[in-house]
């Protein structure tokens, strides 16, 4: 359920884009009528209507995530705040300028922000961020925590570059497909691969000391 909640904005972005892409002129008329004041010139073109409407939806969905968590008195992760800030700024630029370039940069900037956080935290604080987040769930040797942290830094850096390569090499439709299936799929596959590798290094948590009579000291 949490996984669906986390990926909901991306899923809604994909669904809105595909729906609007099926009738671009109707989507342009709808966007102009309801969101014309948000764009330069006041008129949304049929070419840009699908990505603009999808951007409006993803901004609303990300904001809704934060509001739901706040209403439930649950902690809002730092990366969700970062994602909200990026989608509002870059998504807002996409809407105003009717340019999909800005929203296409959002996944890359988010990937790089996460990678940068993992890279800089040990340098600035001497603490492994992944260990801080996951240390209660699993016990690993120090060297494995270091490797795990580095592997995620490399993965997020690569994902940011891959997103831009797809965005600038292929059509917007292909990029939208990659954003949902490629992006999420690669994250899940990498997480699964990490789990398989880490299973060989998991350590048993220290058990309680027994004071039973006759037990060897």
N, C-alpha and C. Protein backbone atom coordinates (compact mmCIF):
# COMPACT_ATOMS: atom_id res chain seq x y z
N UNK A 1 0.83 -1.20 0.00
CA UNK A 1 0.00 0.00 0.00
C UNK A 1 0.87 1.26 0.00
N UNK A 2 1.95 1.24 0.80
CA UNK A 2 2.84 2.40 0.85
C UNK A 2 3.51 2.61 -0.50
N UNK A 3 3.87 1.51 -1.17
CA UNK A 3 4.50 1.61 -2.48
C UNK A 3 3.57 2.30 -3.48
N UNK A 4 2.29 1.94 -3.45
CA UNK A 4 1.31 2.57 -4.33
C UNK A 4 1.17 4.04 -3.99
N UNK A 5 1.16 4.36 -2.71
CA UNK A 5 1.04 5.76 -2.27
C UNK A 5 2.23 6.57 -2.77
N UNK A 6 3.44 6.00 -2.66
CA UNK A 6 4.64 6.72 -3.07
C UNK A 6 4.67 6.98 -4.57
N UNK A 7 4.19 6.00 -5.36
CA UNK A 7 4.25 6.12 -6.82
C UNK A 7 2.97 6.69 -7.43
N UNK A 8 2.01 7.06 -6.60
CA UNK A 8 0.72 7.53 -7.12
C UNK A 8 0.85 8.75 -8.03
N UNK A 9 1.65 9.79 -7.69
CA UNK A 9 1.76 10.93 -8.61
C UNK A 9 2.27 10.54 -9.99
N UNK A 10 3.24 9.62 -10.05
CA UNK A 10 3.76 9.18 -11.35
C UNK A 10 2.70 8.44 -12.14
N UNK A 11 1.94 7.59 -11.45
CA UNK A 11 0.88 6.83 -12.12
C UNK A 11 -0.19 7.78 -12.67
N UNK A 12 -0.57 8.78 -11.88
CA UNK A 12 -1.58 9.75 -12.32
C UNK A 12 -1.05 10.61 -13.47
N UNK A 13 0.23 10.96 -13.41
CA UNK A 13 0.84 11.71 -14.51
C UNK A 13 0.72 10.92 -15.81
N UNK A 14 1.08 9.65 -15.74
CA UNK A 14 1.02 8.77 -16.91
C UNK A 14 -0.41 8.65 -17.43
N UNK A 15 -1.37 8.39 -16.54
CA UNK A 15 -2.76 8.19 -16.95
C UNK A 15 -3.34 9.46 -17.58
N UNK A 16 -3.05 10.61 -16.98
CA UNK A 16 -3.57 11.87 -17.52
C UNK A 16 -2.98 12.18 -18.89
N UNK A 17 -1.68 11.97 -19.02
CA UNK A 17 -1.02 12.23 -20.30
C UNK A 17 -1.61 11.34 -21.40
N UNK A 18 -1.77 10.06 -21.12
CA UNK A 18 -2.28 9.13 -22.12
C UNK A 18 -3.72 9.47 -22.51
N UNK A 19 -4.52 9.83 -21.50
CA UNK A 19 -5.92 10.18 -21.78
C UNK A 19 -6.00 11.44 -22.65
N UNK A 20 -5.23 12.47 -22.27
CA UNK A 20 -5.26 13.71 -23.03
C UNK A 20 -4.65 13.55 -24.41
N UNK A 21 -3.66 12.68 -24.53
CA UNK A 21 -3.01 12.45 -25.81
C UNK A 21 -3.98 11.85 -26.83
N UNK A 22 -4.99 11.13 -26.33
CA UNK A 22 -5.97 10.52 -27.22
C UNK A 22 -6.86 11.55 -27.92
N UNK A 23 -7.07 12.71 -27.29
CA UNK A 23 -7.88 13.79 -27.88
C UNK A 23 -7.19 15.12 -27.59
N UNK A 24 -6.09 15.40 -28.27
CA UNK A 24 -5.28 16.58 -27.93
C UNK A 24 -6.01 17.91 -28.08
N UNK A 25 -6.87 18.03 -29.07
CA UNK A 25 -7.57 19.31 -29.25
C UNK A 25 -8.60 19.52 -28.14
N UNK A 26 -9.31 18.46 -27.78
CA UNK A 26 -10.26 18.56 -26.67
C UNK A 26 -9.51 18.87 -25.37
N UNK A 27 -8.34 18.26 -25.21
CA UNK A 27 -7.53 18.52 -24.03
C UNK A 27 -7.06 19.97 -24.01
N UNK A 28 -6.70 20.49 -25.20
CA UNK A 28 -6.25 21.88 -25.29
C UNK A 28 -7.39 22.84 -24.95
N UNK A 29 -8.58 22.55 -25.45
CA UNK A 29 -9.74 23.40 -25.14
C UNK A 29 -10.04 23.37 -23.65
N UNK A 30 -9.99 22.20 -23.05
CA UNK A 30 -10.25 22.06 -21.61
C UNK A 30 -9.18 22.81 -20.80
N UNK A 31 -7.92 22.64 -21.19
CA UNK A 31 -6.84 23.29 -20.46
C UNK A 31 -6.91 24.80 -20.59
N UNK A 32 -7.25 25.28 -21.78
CA UNK A 32 -7.36 26.73 -21.99
C UNK A 32 -8.51 27.30 -21.17
N UNK A 33 -9.62 26.57 -21.15
CA UNK A 33 -10.81 27.06 -20.44
C UNK A 33 -10.58 27.11 -18.92
N UNK A 34 -9.90 26.11 -18.37
CA UNK A 34 -9.76 26.00 -16.92
C UNK A 34 -8.42 26.48 -16.38
N UNK A 35 -7.38 26.45 -17.22
CA UNK A 35 -6.05 26.81 -16.72
C UNK A 35 -5.37 27.86 -17.60
N UNK A 36 -6.15 28.51 -18.44
CA UNK A 36 -5.58 29.50 -19.35
C UNK A 36 -4.85 30.62 -18.63
N UNK A 37 -5.31 30.99 -17.45
CA UNK A 37 -4.67 32.08 -16.71
C UNK A 37 -3.28 31.69 -16.19
N UNK A 38 -2.98 30.39 -16.20
CA UNK A 38 -1.69 29.92 -15.68
C UNK A 38 -0.61 29.86 -16.74
N UNK A 39 -0.98 30.11 -18.01
CA UNK A 39 0.00 29.98 -19.09
C UNK A 39 0.23 31.34 -19.75
N UNK A 40 1.44 31.53 -20.24
CA UNK A 40 1.76 32.75 -20.97
C UNK A 40 0.94 32.79 -22.27
N UNK A 41 0.23 33.88 -22.48
CA UNK A 41 -0.59 34.02 -23.68
C UNK A 41 -2.02 33.57 -23.47
N UNK A 42 -2.28 32.76 -22.44
CA UNK A 42 -3.64 32.38 -22.10
C UNK A 42 -4.24 31.26 -22.92
N UNK A 43 -3.51 30.73 -23.89
CA UNK A 43 -4.03 29.67 -24.74
C UNK A 43 -3.09 28.47 -24.73
N UNK A 44 -3.65 27.29 -24.50
CA UNK A 44 -2.86 26.06 -24.48
C UNK A 44 -2.96 25.40 -25.84
N UNK A 45 -1.83 25.05 -26.41
CA UNK A 45 -1.83 24.41 -27.73
C UNK A 45 -2.13 22.91 -27.60
N UNK A 46 -2.60 22.32 -28.69
CA UNK A 46 -2.91 20.88 -28.69
C UNK A 46 -1.65 20.05 -28.48
N UNK A 47 -0.51 20.58 -28.92
CA UNK A 47 0.74 19.84 -28.77
C UNK A 47 1.16 19.74 -27.32
N UNK A 48 0.95 20.83 -26.57
CA UNK A 48 1.42 20.88 -25.19
C UNK A 48 0.35 20.52 -24.17
N UNK A 49 -0.91 20.40 -24.58
CA UNK A 49 -2.00 20.14 -23.64
C UNK A 49 -1.81 18.86 -22.83
N UNK A 50 -1.44 17.72 -23.43
CA UNK A 50 -1.31 16.50 -22.64
C UNK A 50 -0.29 16.61 -21.50
N UNK A 51 0.90 17.13 -21.81
CA UNK A 51 1.92 17.21 -20.77
C UNK A 51 1.58 18.30 -19.75
N UNK A 52 0.88 19.36 -20.19
CA UNK A 52 0.50 20.41 -19.24
C UNK A 52 -0.53 19.89 -18.25
N UNK A 53 -1.56 19.19 -18.75
CA UNK A 53 -2.59 18.66 -17.85
C UNK A 53 -1.99 17.61 -16.92
N UNK A 54 -1.09 16.79 -17.44
CA UNK A 54 -0.43 15.79 -16.60
C UNK A 54 0.40 16.46 -15.52
N UNK A 55 1.01 17.59 -15.85
CA UNK A 55 1.81 18.33 -14.87
C UNK A 55 0.93 18.93 -13.78
N UNK A 56 -0.21 19.47 -14.18
CA UNK A 56 -1.16 19.99 -13.18
C UNK A 56 -1.58 18.89 -12.21
N UNK A 57 -1.85 17.72 -12.75
CA UNK A 57 -2.28 16.59 -11.92
C UNK A 57 -1.17 16.14 -10.98
N UNK A 58 0.07 16.08 -11.48
CA UNK A 58 1.16 15.59 -10.63
C UNK A 58 1.48 16.59 -9.51
N UNK A 59 1.33 17.88 -9.78
CA UNK A 59 1.49 18.88 -8.72
C UNK A 59 0.43 18.69 -7.65
N UNK A 60 -0.83 18.54 -8.08
CA UNK A 60 -1.93 18.36 -7.13
C UNK A 60 -1.77 17.06 -6.34
N UNK A 61 -1.34 15.99 -7.00
CA UNK A 61 -1.19 14.70 -6.34
C UNK A 61 -0.07 14.73 -5.30
N UNK A 62 1.05 15.38 -5.63
CA UNK A 62 2.16 15.45 -4.69
C UNK A 62 1.79 16.31 -3.49
N UNK A 63 1.09 17.42 -3.74
CA UNK A 63 0.61 18.25 -2.63
C UNK A 63 -0.37 17.47 -1.77
N UNK A 64 -1.24 16.68 -2.40
CA UNK A 64 -2.21 15.88 -1.66
C UNK A 64 -1.50 14.85 -0.77
N UNK A 65 -0.40 14.28 -1.26
CA UNK A 65 0.37 13.33 -0.44
C UNK A 65 0.82 13.98 0.87
N UNK A 66 1.37 15.18 0.76
CA UNK A 66 1.85 15.88 1.94
C UNK A 66 0.69 16.20 2.89
N UNK A 67 -0.42 16.67 2.35
CA UNK A 67 -1.57 17.03 3.17
C UNK A 67 -2.17 15.81 3.88
N UNK A 68 -2.22 14.68 3.17
CA UNK A 68 -2.74 13.45 3.78
C UNK A 68 -1.86 13.01 4.94
N UNK A 69 -0.55 13.03 4.73
CA UNK A 69 0.37 12.63 5.80
C UNK A 69 0.27 13.57 6.99
N UNK A 70 0.13 14.86 6.72
CA UNK A 70 -0.02 15.83 7.80
C UNK A 70 -1.33 15.60 8.55
N UNK A 71 -2.41 15.33 7.81
CA UNK A 71 -3.71 15.10 8.44
C UNK A 71 -3.68 13.85 9.31
N UNK A 72 -2.88 12.86 8.91
CA UNK A 72 -2.75 11.62 9.67
C UNK A 72 -1.70 11.73 10.77
N UNK A 73 -1.11 12.93 10.88
CA UNK A 73 -0.06 13.19 11.88
C UNK A 73 1.13 12.25 11.73
N UNK A 74 1.46 11.98 10.47
CA UNK A 74 2.62 11.15 10.16
C UNK A 74 3.74 12.02 9.60
N UNK A 75 4.96 11.55 9.75
CA UNK A 75 6.11 12.31 9.29
C UNK A 75 6.16 12.37 7.77
N UNK A 76 6.44 13.55 7.26
CA UNK A 76 6.64 13.73 5.82
C UNK A 76 8.14 13.62 5.55
N UNK A 77 8.54 12.63 4.75
CA UNK A 77 9.95 12.42 4.46
C UNK A 77 10.56 13.65 3.78
N UNK A 78 11.84 13.86 4.04
CA UNK A 78 12.53 15.01 3.45
C UNK A 78 12.45 14.96 1.93
N UNK A 79 12.61 13.76 1.35
CA UNK A 79 12.60 13.66 -0.10
C UNK A 79 11.23 13.98 -0.69
N UNK A 80 10.16 13.78 0.08
CA UNK A 80 8.84 14.16 -0.42
C UNK A 80 8.72 15.68 -0.45
N UNK A 81 9.28 16.35 0.55
CA UNK A 81 9.31 17.82 0.53
C UNK A 81 10.11 18.31 -0.67
N UNK A 82 11.25 17.67 -0.91
CA UNK A 82 12.09 18.05 -2.06
C UNK A 82 11.33 17.81 -3.37
N UNK A 83 10.65 16.66 -3.46
CA UNK A 83 9.88 16.35 -4.66
C UNK A 83 8.77 17.38 -4.88
N UNK A 84 8.10 17.78 -3.80
CA UNK A 84 7.04 18.78 -3.91
C UNK A 84 7.60 20.10 -4.40
N UNK A 85 8.74 20.51 -3.83
CA UNK A 85 9.35 21.78 -4.25
C UNK A 85 9.74 21.73 -5.73
N UNK A 86 10.33 20.62 -6.15
CA UNK A 86 10.76 20.50 -7.55
C UNK A 86 9.57 20.49 -8.51
N UNK A 87 8.54 19.74 -8.15
CA UNK A 87 7.41 19.62 -9.06
C UNK A 87 6.64 20.94 -9.15
N UNK A 88 6.62 21.71 -8.05
CA UNK A 88 5.95 23.02 -8.10
C UNK A 88 6.76 24.00 -8.95
N UNK A 89 8.08 24.04 -8.74
CA UNK A 89 8.91 25.00 -9.47
C UNK A 89 9.05 24.61 -10.95
N UNK A 90 9.50 23.38 -11.20
CA UNK A 90 9.71 22.95 -12.59
C UNK A 90 8.37 22.70 -13.30
N UNK A 91 7.41 22.15 -12.57
CA UNK A 91 6.09 21.96 -13.16
C UNK A 91 5.42 23.29 -13.45
N UNK A 92 5.58 24.25 -12.54
CA UNK A 92 5.02 25.58 -12.78
C UNK A 92 5.63 26.23 -14.01
N UNK A 93 6.94 26.05 -14.20
CA UNK A 93 7.60 26.59 -15.39
C UNK A 93 7.10 25.91 -16.66
N UNK A 94 6.88 24.60 -16.57
CA UNK A 94 6.33 23.86 -17.72
C UNK A 94 4.97 24.41 -18.11
N UNK A 95 4.13 24.66 -17.11
CA UNK A 95 2.78 25.16 -17.39
C UNK A 95 2.83 26.58 -17.96
N UNK A 96 3.58 27.45 -17.33
CA UNK A 96 3.61 28.85 -17.75
C UNK A 96 4.20 29.01 -19.16
N UNK A 97 5.33 28.36 -19.40
CA UNK A 97 6.00 28.50 -20.69
C UNK A 97 5.53 27.49 -21.73
N UNK A 98 4.64 26.57 -21.33
CA UNK A 98 4.19 25.50 -22.21
C UNK A 98 5.39 24.78 -22.83
N UNK A 99 6.32 24.43 -21.97
CA UNK A 99 7.53 23.74 -22.40
C UNK A 99 7.74 22.51 -21.52
N UNK A 100 7.72 21.35 -22.15
CA UNK A 100 7.87 20.11 -21.40
C UNK A 100 9.29 19.90 -20.87
N UNK A 101 10.23 20.73 -21.32
CA UNK A 101 11.62 20.58 -20.91
C UNK A 101 11.78 20.63 -19.40
N UNK A 102 11.07 21.55 -18.75
CA UNK A 102 11.23 21.74 -17.31
C UNK A 102 10.80 20.50 -16.53
N UNK A 103 9.63 19.97 -16.84
CA UNK A 103 9.14 18.81 -16.09
C UNK A 103 9.98 17.57 -16.40
N UNK A 104 10.59 17.52 -17.58
CA UNK A 104 11.45 16.39 -17.91
C UNK A 104 12.73 16.38 -17.06
N UNK A 105 13.14 17.53 -16.59
CA UNK A 105 14.32 17.61 -15.74
C UNK A 105 14.03 17.20 -14.30
N UNK A 106 12.77 17.22 -13.91
CA UNK A 106 12.43 16.97 -12.51
C UNK A 106 12.92 15.62 -11.99
N UNK A 107 12.69 14.48 -12.68
CA UNK A 107 13.19 13.21 -12.16
C UNK A 107 14.71 13.20 -11.98
N UNK A 108 15.43 13.80 -12.94
CA UNK A 108 16.89 13.81 -12.85
C UNK A 108 17.36 14.60 -11.64
N UNK A 109 16.78 15.77 -11.44
CA UNK A 109 17.17 16.60 -10.30
C UNK A 109 16.86 15.87 -8.99
N UNK A 110 15.72 15.17 -8.93
CA UNK A 110 15.36 14.43 -7.72
C UNK A 110 16.32 13.27 -7.48
N UNK A 111 16.64 12.53 -8.54
CA UNK A 111 17.63 11.43 -8.41
C UNK A 111 18.96 11.97 -7.90
N UNK A 112 19.42 13.07 -8.48
CA UNK A 112 20.71 13.63 -8.09
C UNK A 112 20.68 14.19 -6.67
N UNK A 113 19.53 14.74 -6.27
CA UNK A 113 19.41 15.24 -4.90
C UNK A 113 19.53 14.09 -3.89
N UNK A 114 18.90 12.95 -4.21
CA UNK A 114 18.99 11.80 -3.31
C UNK A 114 20.41 11.25 -3.28
N UNK A 115 21.04 11.16 -4.46
CA UNK A 115 22.41 10.68 -4.50
C UNK A 115 23.36 11.61 -3.77
N UNK A 116 23.16 12.91 -3.92
CA UNK A 116 24.00 13.89 -3.25
C UNK A 116 23.86 13.81 -1.73
N UNK A 117 22.63 13.59 -1.28
CA UNK A 117 22.40 13.45 0.16
C UNK A 117 23.14 12.23 0.72
N UNK A 118 23.09 11.12 -0.01
CA UNK A 118 23.79 9.91 0.43
C UNK A 118 25.30 10.09 0.40
N UNK A 119 25.80 10.85 -0.56
CA UNK A 119 27.24 11.06 -0.70
C UNK A 119 27.79 12.05 0.33
N UNK A 120 27.06 13.15 0.56
CA UNK A 120 27.57 14.21 1.42
C UNK A 120 27.40 13.92 2.91
N UNK A 121 26.37 13.16 3.28
CA UNK A 121 26.13 12.91 4.71
C UNK A 121 27.34 12.28 5.40
N UNK A 122 27.96 11.22 4.85
CA UNK A 122 29.15 10.67 5.51
C UNK A 122 30.31 11.67 5.55
N UNK A 123 30.45 12.50 4.51
CA UNK A 123 31.56 13.45 4.46
C UNK A 123 31.39 14.57 5.48
N UNK A 124 30.13 15.00 5.68
CA UNK A 124 29.88 16.14 6.56
C UNK A 124 29.63 15.73 8.01
N UNK A 125 29.06 14.54 8.20
CA UNK A 125 28.70 14.13 9.56
C UNK A 125 29.43 12.89 10.03
N UNK A 126 30.07 12.17 9.09
CA UNK A 126 30.73 10.93 9.46
C UNK A 126 29.77 9.78 9.67
N UNK A 127 28.52 9.95 9.30
CA UNK A 127 27.50 8.92 9.50
C UNK A 127 26.94 8.48 8.16
N UNK A 128 26.65 7.20 8.06
CA UNK A 128 26.09 6.62 6.84
C UNK A 128 24.57 6.81 6.86
N UNK A 129 24.06 7.55 5.88
CA UNK A 129 22.64 7.88 5.87
C UNK A 129 21.76 6.64 5.75
N UNK A 130 22.15 5.69 4.90
CA UNK A 130 21.37 4.47 4.77
C UNK A 130 21.35 3.68 6.07
N UNK A 131 22.48 3.68 6.77
CA UNK A 131 22.53 2.98 8.05
C UNK A 131 21.63 3.66 9.07
N UNK A 132 21.57 4.98 9.01
CA UNK A 132 20.68 5.72 9.91
C UNK A 132 19.22 5.37 9.65
N UNK A 133 18.89 5.15 8.37
CA UNK A 133 17.50 4.88 8.00
C UNK A 133 17.12 3.41 8.17
N UNK A 134 18.07 2.51 7.91
CA UNK A 134 17.75 1.08 7.86
C UNK A 134 18.44 0.25 8.93
N UNK A 135 19.25 0.89 9.75
CA UNK A 135 20.03 0.15 10.74
C UNK A 135 19.22 -0.66 11.72
N UNK A 136 17.98 -0.22 12.00
CA UNK A 136 17.14 -0.97 12.94
C UNK A 136 16.52 -2.20 12.29
N UNK A 137 16.46 -2.22 10.95
CA UNK A 137 15.83 -3.34 10.25
C UNK A 137 16.83 -4.45 9.92
N UNK A 138 18.11 -4.12 9.77
CA UNK A 138 19.07 -5.16 9.43
C UNK A 138 20.45 -4.80 9.96
N UNK A 139 21.21 -5.84 10.30
CA UNK A 139 22.56 -5.70 10.83
C UNK A 139 23.56 -6.09 9.73
N UNK A 140 24.47 -5.16 9.39
CA UNK A 140 25.46 -5.40 8.35
C UNK A 140 26.83 -4.93 8.82
N UNK A 141 27.90 -5.55 8.32
CA UNK A 141 29.24 -5.06 8.63
C UNK A 141 29.43 -3.64 8.10
N UNK A 142 30.35 -2.90 8.71
CA UNK A 142 30.58 -1.50 8.31
C UNK A 142 30.94 -1.38 6.84
N UNK A 143 31.80 -2.29 6.34
CA UNK A 143 32.23 -2.21 4.95
C UNK A 143 31.06 -2.42 3.98
N UNK A 144 30.09 -3.24 4.39
CA UNK A 144 28.92 -3.48 3.53
C UNK A 144 28.02 -2.26 3.50
N UNK A 145 27.87 -1.60 4.65
CA UNK A 145 27.10 -0.35 4.68
C UNK A 145 27.74 0.67 3.75
N UNK A 146 29.06 0.73 3.76
CA UNK A 146 29.77 1.67 2.90
C UNK A 146 29.52 1.34 1.42
N UNK A 147 29.63 0.08 1.08
CA UNK A 147 29.39 -0.34 -0.31
C UNK A 147 27.95 -0.07 -0.72
N UNK A 148 27.02 -0.36 0.17
CA UNK A 148 25.60 -0.14 -0.12
C UNK A 148 25.33 1.34 -0.39
N UNK A 149 25.90 2.20 0.44
CA UNK A 149 25.71 3.63 0.26
C UNK A 149 26.29 4.09 -1.08
N UNK A 150 27.50 3.62 -1.40
CA UNK A 150 28.14 4.01 -2.67
C UNK A 150 27.34 3.50 -3.87
N UNK A 151 26.80 2.29 -3.76
CA UNK A 151 26.06 1.72 -4.89
C UNK A 151 24.80 2.53 -5.18
N UNK A 152 24.14 3.03 -4.14
CA UNK A 152 22.95 3.85 -4.36
C UNK A 152 23.30 5.23 -4.91
N UNK A 153 24.43 5.78 -4.47
CA UNK A 153 24.90 7.05 -5.03
C UNK A 153 25.12 6.89 -6.54
N UNK A 154 25.81 5.81 -6.92
CA UNK A 154 26.08 5.54 -8.34
C UNK A 154 24.78 5.29 -9.10
N UNK A 155 23.86 4.57 -8.49
CA UNK A 155 22.60 4.25 -9.15
C UNK A 155 21.79 5.52 -9.42
N UNK A 156 21.66 6.38 -8.40
CA UNK A 156 20.88 7.60 -8.59
C UNK A 156 21.54 8.53 -9.61
N UNK A 157 22.87 8.59 -9.60
CA UNK A 157 23.55 9.40 -10.61
C UNK A 157 23.30 8.89 -12.01
N UNK A 158 23.34 7.58 -12.17
CA UNK A 158 23.09 6.96 -13.48
C UNK A 158 21.64 7.17 -13.92
N UNK A 159 20.70 7.03 -12.99
CA UNK A 159 19.29 7.21 -13.33
C UNK A 159 19.00 8.63 -13.79
N UNK A 160 19.66 9.60 -13.16
CA UNK A 160 19.47 10.98 -13.59
C UNK A 160 19.94 11.20 -15.02
N UNK A 161 21.09 10.63 -15.36
CA UNK A 161 21.60 10.74 -16.72
C UNK A 161 20.72 9.98 -17.71
N UNK A 162 20.27 8.80 -17.31
CA UNK A 162 19.42 7.99 -18.19
C UNK A 162 18.11 8.70 -18.49
N UNK A 163 17.53 9.35 -17.49
CA UNK A 163 16.28 10.08 -17.70
C UNK A 163 16.46 11.18 -18.75
N UNK A 164 17.56 11.93 -18.66
CA UNK A 164 17.80 13.00 -19.62
C UNK A 164 18.09 12.44 -21.01
N UNK A 165 18.79 11.32 -21.07
CA UNK A 165 19.06 10.70 -22.38
C UNK A 165 17.76 10.31 -23.07
N UNK A 166 16.85 9.69 -22.33
CA UNK A 166 15.56 9.32 -22.90
C UNK A 166 14.76 10.57 -23.28
N UNK A 167 14.79 11.59 -22.41
CA UNK A 167 14.01 12.81 -22.63
C UNK A 167 14.44 13.53 -23.90
N UNK A 168 15.75 13.56 -24.17
CA UNK A 168 16.25 14.33 -25.30
C UNK A 168 16.50 13.50 -26.55
N UNK A 169 16.39 12.18 -26.42
CA UNK A 169 16.64 11.31 -27.57
C UNK A 169 15.34 10.83 -28.20
N UNK A 170 14.32 10.65 -27.39
CA UNK A 170 13.07 10.07 -27.86
C UNK A 170 11.92 11.07 -27.69
N UNK A 171 10.75 10.66 -28.16
CA UNK A 171 9.57 11.52 -28.09
C UNK A 171 9.09 11.65 -26.64
N UNK A 172 8.23 12.65 -26.42
CA UNK A 172 7.66 12.84 -25.08
C UNK A 172 6.84 11.63 -24.67
N UNK A 173 6.15 11.02 -25.61
CA UNK A 173 5.35 9.83 -25.31
C UNK A 173 6.25 8.70 -24.79
N UNK A 174 7.40 8.51 -25.44
CA UNK A 174 8.34 7.48 -25.00
C UNK A 174 8.89 7.82 -23.61
N UNK A 175 9.18 9.10 -23.39
CA UNK A 175 9.69 9.52 -22.07
C UNK A 175 8.67 9.26 -20.97
N UNK A 176 7.40 9.54 -21.26
CA UNK A 176 6.35 9.28 -20.26
C UNK A 176 6.26 7.80 -19.94
N UNK A 177 6.36 6.94 -20.97
CA UNK A 177 6.37 5.50 -20.74
C UNK A 177 7.57 5.08 -19.88
N UNK A 178 8.73 5.65 -20.20
CA UNK A 178 9.93 5.34 -19.43
C UNK A 178 9.81 5.82 -17.99
N UNK A 179 9.23 6.99 -17.80
CA UNK A 179 9.07 7.56 -16.46
C UNK A 179 8.31 6.62 -15.54
N UNK A 180 7.28 5.95 -16.07
CA UNK A 180 6.49 5.03 -15.25
C UNK A 180 7.12 3.65 -15.22
N UNK A 181 7.24 3.02 -16.39
CA UNK A 181 7.68 1.63 -16.43
C UNK A 181 9.20 1.49 -16.28
N UNK A 182 9.95 2.32 -16.98
CA UNK A 182 11.39 2.22 -16.89
C UNK A 182 11.94 2.68 -15.56
N UNK A 183 11.53 3.87 -15.12
CA UNK A 183 12.03 4.43 -13.87
C UNK A 183 11.68 3.57 -12.67
N UNK A 184 10.40 3.30 -12.50
CA UNK A 184 9.96 2.49 -11.36
C UNK A 184 10.51 1.08 -11.46
N UNK A 185 10.49 0.52 -12.68
CA UNK A 185 10.98 -0.85 -12.87
C UNK A 185 12.45 -0.99 -12.50
N UNK A 186 13.27 -0.04 -12.92
CA UNK A 186 14.70 -0.12 -12.62
C UNK A 186 14.96 0.05 -11.12
N UNK A 187 14.21 0.93 -10.47
CA UNK A 187 14.37 1.10 -9.02
C UNK A 187 14.01 -0.19 -8.29
N UNK A 188 12.91 -0.82 -8.69
CA UNK A 188 12.50 -2.07 -8.04
C UNK A 188 13.50 -3.19 -8.30
N UNK A 189 13.99 -3.28 -9.54
CA UNK A 189 14.97 -4.33 -9.87
C UNK A 189 16.27 -4.12 -9.10
N UNK A 190 16.71 -2.87 -9.00
CA UNK A 190 17.94 -2.59 -8.27
C UNK A 190 17.78 -2.91 -6.79
N UNK A 191 16.61 -2.55 -6.25
CA UNK A 191 16.34 -2.85 -4.84
C UNK A 191 16.34 -4.35 -4.60
N UNK A 192 15.71 -5.11 -5.52
CA UNK A 192 15.69 -6.57 -5.40
C UNK A 192 17.10 -7.14 -5.48
N UNK A 193 17.89 -6.65 -6.41
CA UNK A 193 19.27 -7.13 -6.56
C UNK A 193 20.08 -6.83 -5.29
N UNK A 194 19.86 -5.65 -4.73
CA UNK A 194 20.56 -5.30 -3.49
C UNK A 194 20.16 -6.24 -2.36
N UNK A 195 18.87 -6.59 -2.32
CA UNK A 195 18.40 -7.50 -1.28
C UNK A 195 19.04 -8.87 -1.37
N UNK A 196 19.21 -9.36 -2.61
CA UNK A 196 19.84 -10.67 -2.81
C UNK A 196 21.30 -10.63 -2.34
N UNK A 197 22.01 -9.56 -2.71
CA UNK A 197 23.42 -9.44 -2.32
C UNK A 197 23.56 -9.29 -0.81
N UNK A 198 22.71 -8.45 -0.22
CA UNK A 198 22.83 -8.18 1.22
C UNK A 198 22.45 -9.39 2.06
N UNK A 199 21.61 -10.27 1.53
CA UNK A 199 21.19 -11.44 2.31
C UNK A 199 22.38 -12.31 2.71
N UNK A 200 23.46 -12.22 1.95
CA UNK A 200 24.65 -13.01 2.26
C UNK A 200 25.51 -12.38 3.35
N UNK A 201 25.20 -11.14 3.70
CA UNK A 201 26.02 -10.44 4.69
C UNK A 201 25.25 -10.08 5.96
N UNK A 202 23.97 -10.42 6.00
CA UNK A 202 23.17 -10.07 7.18
C UNK A 202 23.72 -10.75 8.42
N UNK A 203 23.77 -10.02 9.51
CA UNK A 203 24.25 -10.55 10.77
C UNK A 203 23.08 -10.73 11.73
N UNK A 204 23.17 -11.77 12.54
CA UNK A 204 22.15 -11.99 13.56
C UNK A 204 22.29 -10.94 14.66
N UNK A 205 21.17 -10.32 15.06
CA UNK A 205 21.26 -9.36 16.16
C UNK A 205 21.68 -10.07 17.43
N UNK A 206 22.44 -9.40 18.30
CA UNK A 206 22.87 -10.04 19.55
C UNK A 206 21.70 -10.41 20.42
N UNK A 207 21.68 -11.65 20.87
CA UNK A 207 20.56 -12.12 21.72
C UNK A 207 20.79 -11.75 23.16
N UNK A 208 19.76 -11.92 23.99
CA UNK A 208 19.89 -11.61 25.41
C UNK A 208 20.83 -12.58 26.11
N UNK A 209 21.53 -12.11 27.10
CA UNK A 209 22.44 -12.94 27.86
C UNK A 209 21.65 -13.85 28.78
N UNK A 210 21.94 -15.16 28.71
CA UNK A 210 21.20 -16.12 29.51
C UNK A 210 21.94 -16.38 30.83
N UNK A 211 21.18 -16.47 31.91
CA UNK A 211 21.74 -16.76 33.23
C UNK A 211 21.24 -18.09 33.75
N UNK A 212 20.91 -19.02 32.83
CA UNK A 212 20.41 -20.32 33.25
C UNK A 212 21.49 -21.10 33.99
N UNK A 213 21.12 -21.79 35.09
CA UNK A 213 22.11 -22.59 35.85
C UNK A 213 22.71 -23.66 34.95
N UNK A 214 24.01 -23.85 35.12
CA UNK A 214 24.69 -24.91 34.39
C UNK A 214 25.17 -24.50 33.02
N UNK A 215 24.80 -23.28 32.55
CA UNK A 215 25.25 -22.86 31.23
C UNK A 215 26.71 -22.44 31.32
N UNK A 216 27.49 -22.83 30.35
CA UNK A 216 28.91 -22.54 30.39
C UNK A 216 29.15 -21.06 30.33
N UNK A 217 30.13 -20.63 31.06
CA UNK A 217 30.48 -19.21 31.10
C UNK A 217 31.62 -18.94 30.11
